[in-house]
PDB file of N, CA and C in Angstrom:
ATOM      1  N   MET A   1       7.817  14.115  -5.301  1.00  0.00           N
ATOM      2  CA  MET A   1       9.159  13.696  -4.961  1.00  0.00           C
ATOM      3  C   MET A   1       9.125  12.246  -4.489  1.00  0.00           C
ATOM      4  N   ALA A   2       9.883  11.404  -5.103  1.00  0.00           N
ATOM      5  CA  ALA A   2       9.918   9.983  -4.763  1.00  0.00           C
ATOM      6  C   ALA A   2      10.694   9.768  -3.475  1.00  0.00           C
ATOM      7  N   SER A   3      10.358   8.705  -2.796  1.00  0.00           N
ATOM      8  CA  SER A   3      11.013   8.356  -1.554  1.00  0.00           C
ATOM      9  C   SER A   3      12.053   7.280  -1.809  1.00  0.00           C
ATOM     10  N   SER A   4      13.093   7.279  -0.991  1.00  0.00           N
ATOM     11  CA  SER A   4      14.087   6.213  -1.055  1.00  0.00           C
ATOM     12  C   SER A   4      13.773   5.137  -0.027  1.00  0.00           C
ATOM     13  N   ALA A   5      12.614   5.224   0.571  1.00  0.00           N
ATOM     14  CA  ALA A   5      12.230   4.303   1.641  1.00  0.00           C
ATOM     15  C   ALA A   5      12.074   2.874   1.129  1.00  0.00           C
ATOM     16  N   GLU A   6      12.435   1.958   1.994  1.00  0.00           N
ATOM     17  CA  GLU A   6      12.148   0.549   1.781  1.00  0.00           C
ATOM     18  C   GLU A   6      11.139   0.159   2.844  1.00  0.00           C
ATOM     19  N   PHE A   7      10.508  -0.985   2.650  1.00  0.00           N
ATOM     20  CA  PHE A   7       9.492  -1.372   3.623  1.00  0.00           C
ATOM     21  C   PHE A   7       9.421  -2.878   3.772  1.00  0.00           C
ATOM     22  N   GLU A   8       8.850  -3.270   4.891  1.00  0.00           N
ATOM     23  CA  GLU A   8       8.601  -4.678   5.186  1.00  0.00           C
ATOM     24  C   GLU A   8       7.171  -4.785   5.691  1.00  0.00           C
ATOM     25  N   ILE A   9       6.390  -5.640   5.055  1.00  0.00           N
ATOM     26  CA  ILE A   9       4.976  -5.794   5.404  1.00  0.00           C
ATOM     27  C   ILE A   9       4.844  -6.897   6.445  1.00  0.00           C
ATOM     28  N   GLY A  10       4.201  -6.564   7.553  1.00  0.00           N
ATOM     29  CA  GLY A  10       3.992  -7.525   8.631  1.00  0.00           C
ATOM     30  C   GLY A  10       2.815  -8.440   8.346  1.00  0.00           C
ATOM     31  N   PRO A  11       2.467  -9.283   9.317  1.00  0.00           N
ATOM     32  CA  PRO A  11       1.375 -10.243   9.144  1.00  0.00           C
ATOM     33  C   PRO A  11       0.031  -9.568   8.845  1.00  0.00           C
ATOM     34  N   GLU A  12      -0.796 -10.306   8.154  1.00  0.00           N
ATOM     35  CA  GLU A  12      -2.131  -9.833   7.763  1.00  0.00           C
ATOM     36  C   GLU A  12      -3.125 -10.069   8.888  1.00  0.00           C
ATOM     37  N   THR A  13      -3.963  -9.073   9.125  1.00  0.00           N
ATOM     38  CA  THR A  13      -5.101  -9.201  10.023  1.00  0.00           C
ATOM     39  C   THR A  13      -6.349  -8.920   9.202  1.00  0.00           C
ATOM     40  N   GLU A  14      -7.367  -9.722   9.386  1.00  0.00           N
ATOM     41  CA  GLU A  14      -8.600  -9.550   8.625  1.00  0.00           C
ATOM     42  C   GLU A  14      -9.707  -9.100   9.562  1.00  0.00           C
ATOM     43  N   THR A  15     -10.422  -8.046   9.170  1.00  0.00           N
ATOM     44  CA  THR A  15     -11.580  -7.583   9.928  1.00  0.00           C
ATOM     45  C   THR A  15     -12.833  -7.926   9.119  1.00  0.00           C
ATOM     46  N   ALA A  16     -13.956  -7.375   9.514  1.00  0.00           N
ATOM     47  CA  ALA A  16     -15.203  -7.629   8.790  1.00  0.00           C
ATOM     48  C   ALA A  16     -15.231  -6.967   7.416  1.00  0.00           C
ATOM     49  N   THR A  17     -14.392  -5.929   7.218  1.00  0.00           N
ATOM     50  CA  THR A  17     -14.462  -5.155   5.977  1.00  0.00           C
ATOM     51  C   THR A  17     -13.149  -5.018   5.215  1.00  0.00           C
ATOM     52  N   HIS A  18     -12.035  -5.347   5.865  1.00  0.00           N
ATOM     53  CA  HIS A  18     -10.750  -5.083   5.213  1.00  0.00           C
ATOM     54  C   HIS A  18      -9.627  -5.959   5.756  1.00  0.00           C
ATOM     55  N   PHE A  19      -8.527  -5.951   5.003  1.00  0.00           N
ATOM     56  CA  PHE A  19      -7.263  -6.534   5.438  1.00  0.00           C
ATOM     57  C   PHE A  19      -6.448  -5.399   6.046  1.00  0.00           C
ATOM     58  N   SER A  20      -5.653  -5.723   7.033  1.00  0.00           N
ATOM     59  CA  SER A  20      -4.857  -4.703   7.701  1.00  0.00           C
ATOM     60  C   SER A  20      -3.449  -5.236   7.945  1.00  0.00           C
ATOM     61  N   TYR A  21      -2.473  -4.337   7.826  1.00  0.00           N
ATOM     62  CA  TYR A  21      -1.064  -4.697   7.954  1.00  0.00           C
ATOM     63  C   TYR A  21      -0.318  -3.598   8.693  1.00  0.00           C
ATOM     64  N   ASP A  22       0.634  -3.991   9.519  1.00  0.00           N
ATOM     65  CA  ASP A  22       1.606  -3.045  10.059  1.00  0.00           C
ATOM     66  C   ASP A  22       2.819  -3.143   9.154  1.00  0.00           C
ATOM     67  N   VAL A  23       3.185  -2.023   8.574  1.00  0.00           N
ATOM     68  CA  VAL A  23       4.307  -1.967   7.639  1.00  0.00           C
ATOM     69  C   VAL A  23       5.436  -1.196   8.311  1.00  0.00           C
ATOM     70  N   THR A  24       6.618  -1.764   8.287  1.00  0.00           N
ATOM     71  CA  THR A  24       7.794  -1.075   8.807  1.00  0.00           C
ATOM     72  C   THR A  24       8.470  -0.356   7.650  1.00  0.00           C
ATOM     73  N   LEU A  25       8.603   0.959   7.796  1.00  0.00           N
ATOM     74  CA  LEU A  25       9.271   1.784   6.785  1.00  0.00           C
ATOM     75  C   LEU A  25      10.691   2.077   7.247  1.00  0.00           C
ATOM     76  N   PHE A  26      11.639   1.909   6.346  1.00  0.00           N
ATOM     77  CA  PHE A  26      13.039   2.214   6.600  1.00  0.00           C
ATOM     78  C   PHE A  26      13.414   3.345   5.649  1.00  0.00           C
ATOM     79  N   ASP A  27      13.741   4.517   6.209  1.00  0.00           N
ATOM     80  CA  ASP A  27      14.016   5.673   5.364  1.00  0.00           C
ATOM     81  C   ASP A  27      15.047   6.569   6.029  1.00  0.00           C
ATOM     82  N   ALA A  28      16.138   6.808   5.330  1.00  0.00           N
ATOM     83  CA  ALA A  28      17.189   7.719   5.790  1.00  0.00           C
ATOM     84  C   ALA A  28      17.656   7.381   7.206  1.00  0.00           C
ATOM     85  N   GLY A  29      17.855   6.100   7.467  1.00  0.00           N
ATOM     86  CA  GLY A  29      18.344   5.673   8.769  1.00  0.00           C
ATOM     87  C   GLY A  29      17.305   5.649   9.867  1.00  0.00           C
ATOM     88  N   ARG A  30      16.074   5.963   9.534  1.00  0.00           N
ATOM     89  CA  ARG A  30      14.989   5.968  10.516  1.00  0.00           C
ATOM     90  C   ARG A  30      14.025   4.836  10.210  1.00  0.00           C
ATOM     91  N   THR A  31      13.399   4.337  11.250  1.00  0.00           N
ATOM     92  CA  THR A  31      12.412   3.269  11.121  1.00  0.00           C
ATOM     93  C   THR A  31      11.125   3.724  11.780  1.00  0.00           C
ATOM     94  N   ARG A  32      10.012   3.457  11.106  1.00  0.00           N
ATOM     95  CA  ARG A  32       8.706   3.760  11.716  1.00  0.00           C
ATOM     96  C   ARG A  32       7.669   2.787  11.187  1.00  0.00           C
ATOM     97  N   THR A  33       6.536   2.751  11.869  1.00  0.00           N
ATOM     98  CA  THR A  33       5.463   1.837  11.496  1.00  0.00           C
ATOM     99  C   THR A  33       4.335   2.604  10.827  1.00  0.00           C
ATOM    100  N   LEU A  34       3.807   2.017   9.776  1.00  0.00           N
ATOM    101  CA  LEU A  34       2.683   2.570   9.021  1.00  0.00           C
ATOM    102  C   LEU A  34       1.563   1.534   9.040  1.00  0.00           C
ATOM    103  N   ALA A  35       0.380   1.926   9.455  1.00  0.00           N
ATOM    104  CA  ALA A  35      -0.779   1.036   9.432  1.00  0.00           C
ATOM    105  C   ALA A  35      -1.433   1.136   8.057  1.00  0.00           C
ATOM    106  N   VAL A  36      -1.528   0.002   7.350  1.00  0.00           N
ATOM    107  CA  VAL A  36      -2.079  -0.002   5.991  1.00  0.00           C
ATOM    108  C   VAL A  36      -3.311  -0.895   5.952  1.00  0.00           C
ATOM    109  N   THR A  37      -4.368  -0.394   5.315  1.00  0.00           N
ATOM    110  CA  THR A  37      -5.589  -1.182   5.148  1.00  0.00           C
ATOM    111  C   THR A  37      -5.934  -1.296   3.668  1.00  0.00           C
ATOM    112  N   LEU A  38      -6.572  -2.400   3.338  1.00  0.00           N
ATOM    113  CA  LEU A  38      -7.052  -2.689   1.985  1.00  0.00           C
ATOM    114  C   LEU A  38      -8.455  -3.258   2.126  1.00  0.00           C
ATOM    115  N   SER A  39      -9.452  -2.544   1.633  1.00  0.00           N
ATOM    116  CA  SER A  39     -10.828  -3.030   1.761  1.00  0.00           C
ATOM    117  C   SER A  39     -11.032  -4.263   0.888  1.00  0.00           C
ATOM    118  N   PHE A  40     -11.953  -5.116   1.313  1.00  0.00           N
ATOM    119  CA  PHE A  40     -12.283  -6.295   0.508  1.00  0.00           C
ATOM    120  C   PHE A  40     -12.750  -5.870  -0.879  1.00  0.00           C
ATOM    121  N   GLN A  41     -13.519  -4.790  -0.940  1.00  0.00           N
ATOM    122  CA  GLN A  41     -14.048  -4.301  -2.218  1.00  0.00           C
ATOM    123  C   GLN A  41     -12.918  -3.884  -3.160  1.00  0.00           C
ATOM    124  N   ASP A  42     -11.962  -3.104  -2.654  1.00  0.00           N
ATOM    125  CA  ASP A  42     -10.830  -2.706  -3.502  1.00  0.00           C
ATOM    126  C   ASP A  42     -10.002  -3.912  -3.899  1.00  0.00           C
ATOM    127  N   TYR A  43      -9.765  -4.821  -2.978  1.00  0.00           N
ATOM    128  CA  TYR A  43      -8.995  -6.028  -3.291  1.00  0.00           C
ATOM    129  C   TYR A  43      -9.640  -6.796  -4.445  1.00  0.00           C
ATOM    130  N   ASP A  44     -10.945  -7.026  -4.362  1.00  0.00           N
ATOM    131  CA  ASP A  44     -11.650  -7.750  -5.423  1.00  0.00           C
ATOM    132  C   ASP A  44     -11.606  -6.986  -6.747  1.00  0.00           C
ATOM    133  N   HIS A  45     -11.811  -5.677  -6.677  1.00  0.00           N
ATOM    134  CA  HIS A  45     -11.822  -4.843  -7.889  1.00  0.00           C
ATOM    135  C   HIS A  45     -10.457  -4.851  -8.582  1.00  0.00           C
ATOM    136  N   TRP A  46      -9.386  -4.727  -7.813  1.00  0.00           N
ATOM    137  CA  TRP A  46      -8.051  -4.610  -8.392  1.00  0.00           C
ATOM    138  C   TRP A  46      -7.429  -5.935  -8.779  1.00  0.00           C
ATOM    139  N   SER A  47      -7.692  -6.983  -8.003  1.00  0.00           N
ATOM    140  CA  SER A  47      -6.976  -8.238  -8.261  1.00  0.00           C
ATOM    141  C   SER A  47      -7.867  -9.375  -8.736  1.00  0.00           C
ATOM    142  N   HIS A  48      -9.181  -9.228  -8.559  1.00  0.00           N
ATOM    143  CA  HIS A  48     -10.134 -10.288  -8.905  1.00  0.00           C
ATOM    144  C   HIS A  48      -9.752 -11.609  -8.231  1.00  0.00           C
ATOM    145  N   GLY A  49      -9.069 -11.503  -7.073  1.00  0.00           N
ATOM    146  CA  GLY A  49      -8.683 -12.685  -6.312  1.00  0.00           C
ATOM    147  C   GLY A  49      -7.533 -13.478  -6.903  1.00  0.00           C
ATOM    148  N   ARG A  50      -6.865 -12.937  -7.917  1.00  0.00           N
ATOM    149  CA  ARG A  50      -5.787 -13.684  -8.596  1.00  0.00           C
ATOM    150  C   ARG A  50      -4.475 -13.694  -7.826  1.00  0.00           C
ATOM    151  N   VAL A  51      -4.285 -12.728  -6.942  1.00  0.00           N
ATOM    152  CA  VAL A  51      -3.063 -12.662  -6.132  1.00  0.00           C
ATOM    153  C   VAL A  51      -3.468 -12.456  -4.674  1.00  0.00           C
ATOM    154  N   PRO A  52      -2.614 -12.821  -3.741  1.00  0.00           N
ATOM    155  CA  PRO A  52      -2.937 -12.582  -2.330  1.00  0.00           C
ATOM    156  C   PRO A  52      -3.047 -11.079  -2.036  1.00  0.00           C
ATOM    157  N   PRO A  53      -3.846 -10.705  -1.045  1.00  0.00           N
ATOM    158  CA  PRO A  53      -3.998  -9.283  -0.707  1.00  0.00           C
ATOM    159  C   PRO A  53      -2.670  -8.580  -0.418  1.00  0.00           C
ATOM    160  N   VAL A  54      -1.742  -9.274   0.202  1.00  0.00           N
ATOM    161  CA  VAL A  54      -0.457  -8.654   0.526  1.00  0.00           C
ATOM    162  C   VAL A  54       0.277  -8.203  -0.737  1.00  0.00           C
ATOM    163  N   LYS A  55       0.060  -8.864  -1.855  1.00  0.00           N
ATOM    164  CA  LYS A  55       0.684  -8.456  -3.123  1.00  0.00           C
ATOM    165  C   LYS A  55       0.110  -7.120  -3.600  1.00  0.00           C
ATOM    166  N   VAL A  56      -1.184  -6.923  -3.378  1.00  0.00           N
ATOM    167  CA  VAL A  56      -1.820  -5.651  -3.745  1.00  0.00           C
ATOM    168  C   VAL A  56      -1.269  -4.534  -2.862  1.00  0.00           C
ATOM    169  N   VAL A  57      -1.111  -4.800  -1.583  1.00  0.00           N
ATOM    170  CA  VAL A  57      -0.553  -3.810  -0.660  1.00  0.00           C
ATOM    171  C   VAL A  57       0.885  -3.483  -1.061  1.00  0.00           C
ATOM    172  N   ASP A  58       1.674  -4.497  -1.363  1.00  0.00           N
ATOM    173  CA  ASP A  58       3.054  -4.289  -1.784  1.00  0.00           C
ATOM    174  C   ASP A  58       3.110  -3.408  -3.037  1.00  0.00           C
ATOM    175  N   ALA A  59       2.314  -3.719  -4.031  1.00  0.00           N
ATOM    176  CA  ALA A  59       2.300  -2.948  -5.278  1.00  0.00           C
ATOM    177  C   ALA A  59       1.842  -1.510  -5.023  1.00  0.00           C
ATOM    178  N   THR A  60       0.852  -1.346  -4.163  1.00  0.00           N
ATOM    179  CA  THR A  60       0.349  -0.006  -3.842  1.00  0.00           C
ATOM    180  C   THR A  60       1.432   0.824  -3.164  1.00  0.00           C
ATOM    181  N   LEU A  61       2.141   0.228  -2.220  1.00  0.00           N
ATOM    182  CA  LEU A  61       3.202   0.958  -1.529  1.00  0.00           C
ATOM    183  C   LEU A  61       4.352   1.299  -2.475  1.00  0.00           C
ATOM    184  N   ARG A  62       4.738   0.358  -3.331  1.00  0.00           N
ATOM    185  CA  ARG A  62       5.802   0.651  -4.294  1.00  0.00           C
ATOM    186  C   ARG A  62       5.393   1.815  -5.195  1.00  0.00           C
ATOM    187  N   PHE A  63       4.151   1.781  -5.693  1.00  0.00           N
ATOM    188  CA  PHE A  63       3.636   2.855  -6.542  1.00  0.00           C
ATOM    189  C   PHE A  63       3.669   4.184  -5.784  1.00  0.00           C
ATOM    190  N   ALA A  64       3.143   4.196  -4.574  1.00  0.00           N
ATOM    191  CA  ALA A  64       3.058   5.431  -3.790  1.00  0.00           C
ATOM    192  C   ALA A  64       4.445   5.993  -3.485  1.00  0.00           C
ATOM    193  N   LEU A  65       5.377   5.129  -3.113  1.00  0.00           N
ATOM    194  CA  LEU A  65       6.709   5.606  -2.733  1.00  0.00           C
ATOM    195  C   LEU A  65       7.542   6.051  -3.930  1.00  0.00           C
ATOM    196  N   GLU A  66       7.107   5.740  -5.140  1.00  0.00           N
ATOM    197  CA  GLU A  66       7.747   6.300  -6.331  1.00  0.00           C
ATOM    198  C   GLU A  66       7.298   7.735  -6.574  1.00  0.00           C
ATOM    199  N   ARG A  67       6.224   8.144  -5.904  1.00  0.00           N
ATOM    200  CA  ARG A  67       5.635   9.456  -6.147  1.00  0.00           C
ATOM    201  C   ARG A  67       5.546  10.342  -4.915  1.00  0.00           C
ATOM    202  N   MET A  68       5.759   9.762  -3.752  1.00  0.00           N
ATOM    203  CA  MET A  68       5.593  10.488  -2.493  1.00  0.00           C
ATOM    204  C   MET A  68       6.764  10.170  -1.565  1.00  0.00           C
ATOM    205  N   THR A  69       6.983  11.052  -0.607  1.00  0.00           N
ATOM    206  CA  THR A  69       7.946  10.734   0.440  1.00  0.00           C
ATOM    207  C   THR A  69       7.257   9.836   1.457  1.00  0.00           C
ATOM    208  N   SER A  70       8.041   9.133   2.239  1.00  0.00           N
ATOM    209  CA  SER A  70       7.438   8.272   3.263  1.00  0.00           C
ATOM    210  C   SER A  70       6.670   9.109   4.287  1.00  0.00           C
ATOM    211  N   ALA A  71       7.124  10.331   4.555  1.00  0.00           N
ATOM    212  CA  ALA A  71       6.422  11.206   5.492  1.00  0.00           C
ATOM    213  C   ALA A  71       5.029  11.568   4.984  1.00  0.00           C
ATOM    214  N   GLU A  72       4.878  11.704   3.677  1.00  0.00           N
ATOM    215  CA  GLU A  72       3.573  12.043   3.104  1.00  0.00           C
ATOM    216  C   GLU A  72       2.550  10.924   3.292  1.00  0.00           C
ATOM    217  N   LEU A  73       3.012   9.714   3.534  1.00  0.00           N
ATOM    218  CA  LEU A  73       2.084   8.601   3.761  1.00  0.00           C
ATOM    219  C   LEU A  73       1.382   8.724   5.104  1.00  0.00           C
ATOM    220  N   GLY A  74       1.965   9.469   6.027  1.00  0.00           N
ATOM    221  CA  GLY A  74       1.384   9.629   7.353  1.00  0.00           C
ATOM    222  C   GLY A  74       1.614   8.399   8.212  1.00  0.00           C
ATOM    223  N   ASP A  75       0.759   8.215   9.201  1.00  0.00           N
ATOM    224  CA  ASP A  75       0.873   7.070  10.107  1.00  0.00           C
ATOM    225  C   ASP A  75      -0.057   5.928   9.723  1.00  0.00           C
ATOM    226  N   ALA A  76      -1.040   6.235   8.892  1.00  0.00           N
ATOM    227  CA  ALA A  76      -2.013   5.233   8.455  1.00  0.00           C
ATOM    228  C   ALA A  76      -2.376   5.522   7.003  1.00  0.00           C
ATOM    229  N   LEU A  77      -2.539   4.452   6.234  1.00  0.00           N
ATOM    230  CA  LEU A  77      -2.845   4.608   4.818  1.00  0.00           C
ATOM    231  C   LEU A  77      -3.836   3.542   4.393  1.00  0.00           C
ATOM    232  N   ASP A  78      -4.938   3.962   3.816  1.00  0.00           N
ATOM    233  CA  ASP A  78      -5.837   3.023   3.159  1.00  0.00           C
ATOM    234  C   ASP A  78      -5.456   3.046   1.681  1.00  0.00           C
ATOM    235  N   CYS A  79      -5.382   1.876   1.077  1.00  0.00           N
ATOM    236  CA  CYS A  79      -4.937   1.788  -0.322  1.00  0.00           C
ATOM    237  C   CYS A  79      -5.791   2.631  -1.263  1.00  0.00           C
ATOM    238  N   SER A  80      -7.052   2.840  -0.935  1.00  0.00           N
ATOM    239  CA  SER A  80      -7.913   3.653  -1.795  1.00  0.00           C
ATOM    240  C   SER A  80      -7.450   5.106  -1.856  1.00  0.00           C
ATOM    241  N   THR A  81      -6.718   5.568  -0.858  1.00  0.00           N
ATOM    242  CA  THR A  81      -6.188   6.930  -0.860  1.00  0.00           C
ATOM    243  C   THR A  81      -5.239   7.125  -2.033  1.00  0.00           C
ATOM    244  N   VAL A  82      -4.449   6.119  -2.336  1.00  0.00           N
ATOM    245  CA  VAL A  82      -3.518   6.203  -3.455  1.00  0.00           C
ATOM    246  C   VAL A  82      -4.294   6.294  -4.762  1.00  0.00           C
ATOM    247  N   ARG A  83      -5.354   5.509  -4.877  1.00  0.00           N
ATOM    248  CA  ARG A  83      -6.191   5.556  -6.089  1.00  0.00           C
ATOM    249  C   ARG A  83      -6.796   6.942  -6.272  1.00  0.00           C
ATOM    250  N   ARG A  84      -7.267   7.530  -5.201  1.00  0.00           N
ATOM    251  CA  ARG A  84      -7.886   8.851  -5.310  1.00  0.00           C
ATOM    252  C   ARG A  84      -6.865   9.955  -5.603  1.00  0.00           C
ATOM    253  N   ARG A  85      -5.670   9.786  -5.129  1.00  0.00           N
ATOM    254  CA  ARG A  85      -4.646  10.826  -5.317  1.00  0.00           C
ATOM    255  C   ARG A  85      -3.984  10.767  -6.689  1.00  0.00           C
ATOM    256  N   PHE A  86      -3.866   9.569  -7.262  1.00  0.00           N
ATOM    257  CA  PHE A  86      -3.164   9.407  -8.528  1.00  0.00           C
ATOM    258  C   PHE A  86      -4.076   8.728  -9.548  1.00  0.00           C
ATOM    259  N   ALA A  87      -4.501   9.484 -10.547  1.00  0.00           N
ATOM    260  CA  ALA A  87      -5.439   8.969 -11.553  1.00  0.00           C
ATOM    261  C   ALA A  87      -4.877   7.764 -12.301  1.00  0.00           C
ATOM    262  N   GLU A  88      -3.563   7.692 -12.459  1.00  0.00           N
ATOM    263  CA  GLU A  88      -2.950   6.611 -13.230  1.00  0.00           C
ATOM    264  C   GLU A  88      -2.787   5.311 -12.435  1.00  0.00           C
ATOM    265  N   PHE A  89      -3.099   5.347 -11.148  1.00  0.00           N
ATOM    266  CA  PHE A  89      -2.867   4.184 -10.298  1.00  0.00           C
ATOM    267  C   PHE A  89      -3.556   2.918 -10.810  1.00  0.00           C
ATOM    268  N   GLU A  90      -4.850   2.981 -11.073  1.00  0.00           N
ATOM    269  CA  GLU A  90      -5.567   1.780 -11.496  1.00  0.00           C
ATOM    270  C   GLU A  90      -5.047   1.249 -12.827  1.00  0.00           C
ATOM    271  N   ARG A  91      -4.654   2.117 -13.748  1.00  0.00           N
ATOM    272  CA  ARG A  91      -4.122   1.665 -15.030  1.00  0.00           C
ATOM    273  C   ARG A  91      -2.787   0.948 -14.859  1.00  0.00           C
ATOM    274  N   GLN A  92      -1.996   1.400 -13.930  1.00  0.00           N
ATOM    275  CA  GLN A  92      -0.648   0.851 -13.760  1.00  0.00           C
ATOM    276  C   GLN A  92      -0.580  -0.311 -12.766  1.00  0.00           C
ATOM    277  N   LEU A  93      -1.580  -0.453 -11.920  1.00  0.00           N
ATOM    278  CA  LEU A  93      -1.525  -1.461 -10.868  1.00  0.00           C
ATOM    279  C   LEU A  93      -1.368  -2.880 -11.395  1.00  0.00           C
ATOM    280  N   SER A  94      -2.097  -3.247 -12.432  1.00  0.00           N
ATOM    281  CA  SER A  94      -2.020  -4.624 -12.911  1.00  0.00           C
ATOM    282  C   SER A  94      -0.608  -4.986 -13.345  1.00  0.00           C
ATOM    283  N   GLY A  95       0.143  -4.032 -13.866  1.00  0.00           N
ATOM    284  CA  GLY A  95       1.522  -4.296 -14.254  1.00  0.00           C
ATOM    285  C   GLY A  95       2.455  -4.449 -13.066  1.00  0.00           C
ATOM    286  N   LEU A  96       2.020  -3.994 -11.903  1.00  0.00           N
ATOM    287  CA  LEU A  96       2.837  -4.104 -10.698  1.00  0.00           C
ATOM    288  C   LEU A  96       2.550  -5.371  -9.911  1.00  0.00           C
ATOM    289  N   LEU A  97       1.416  -6.022 -10.214  1.00  0.00           N
ATOM    290  CA  LEU A  97       1.041  -7.221  -9.452  1.00  0.00           C
ATOM    291  C   LEU A  97       1.766  -8.455  -9.955  1.00  0.00           C
TER     292      LEU A  97
END
């Protein structure tokens, strides 16, 4: 079931292994925060450095919210979770970037 949620990605924080973002989800009149991470390895694999990491996060969230409700995302999401849950994700990601 697709979500009608919209989102806003906050500033990027970089750790030793990943990029991290606080994402504000707006859904059915409710607002909540989702912690999203993108590993350096996944970023390099998916984008080859051609787009900023935030673009990969944006595309991943758009893809996920077309297939899941915002509640199904939980409170924290690593982008690799979407890849593992949806076999078509990697094939479709380049068209979303």
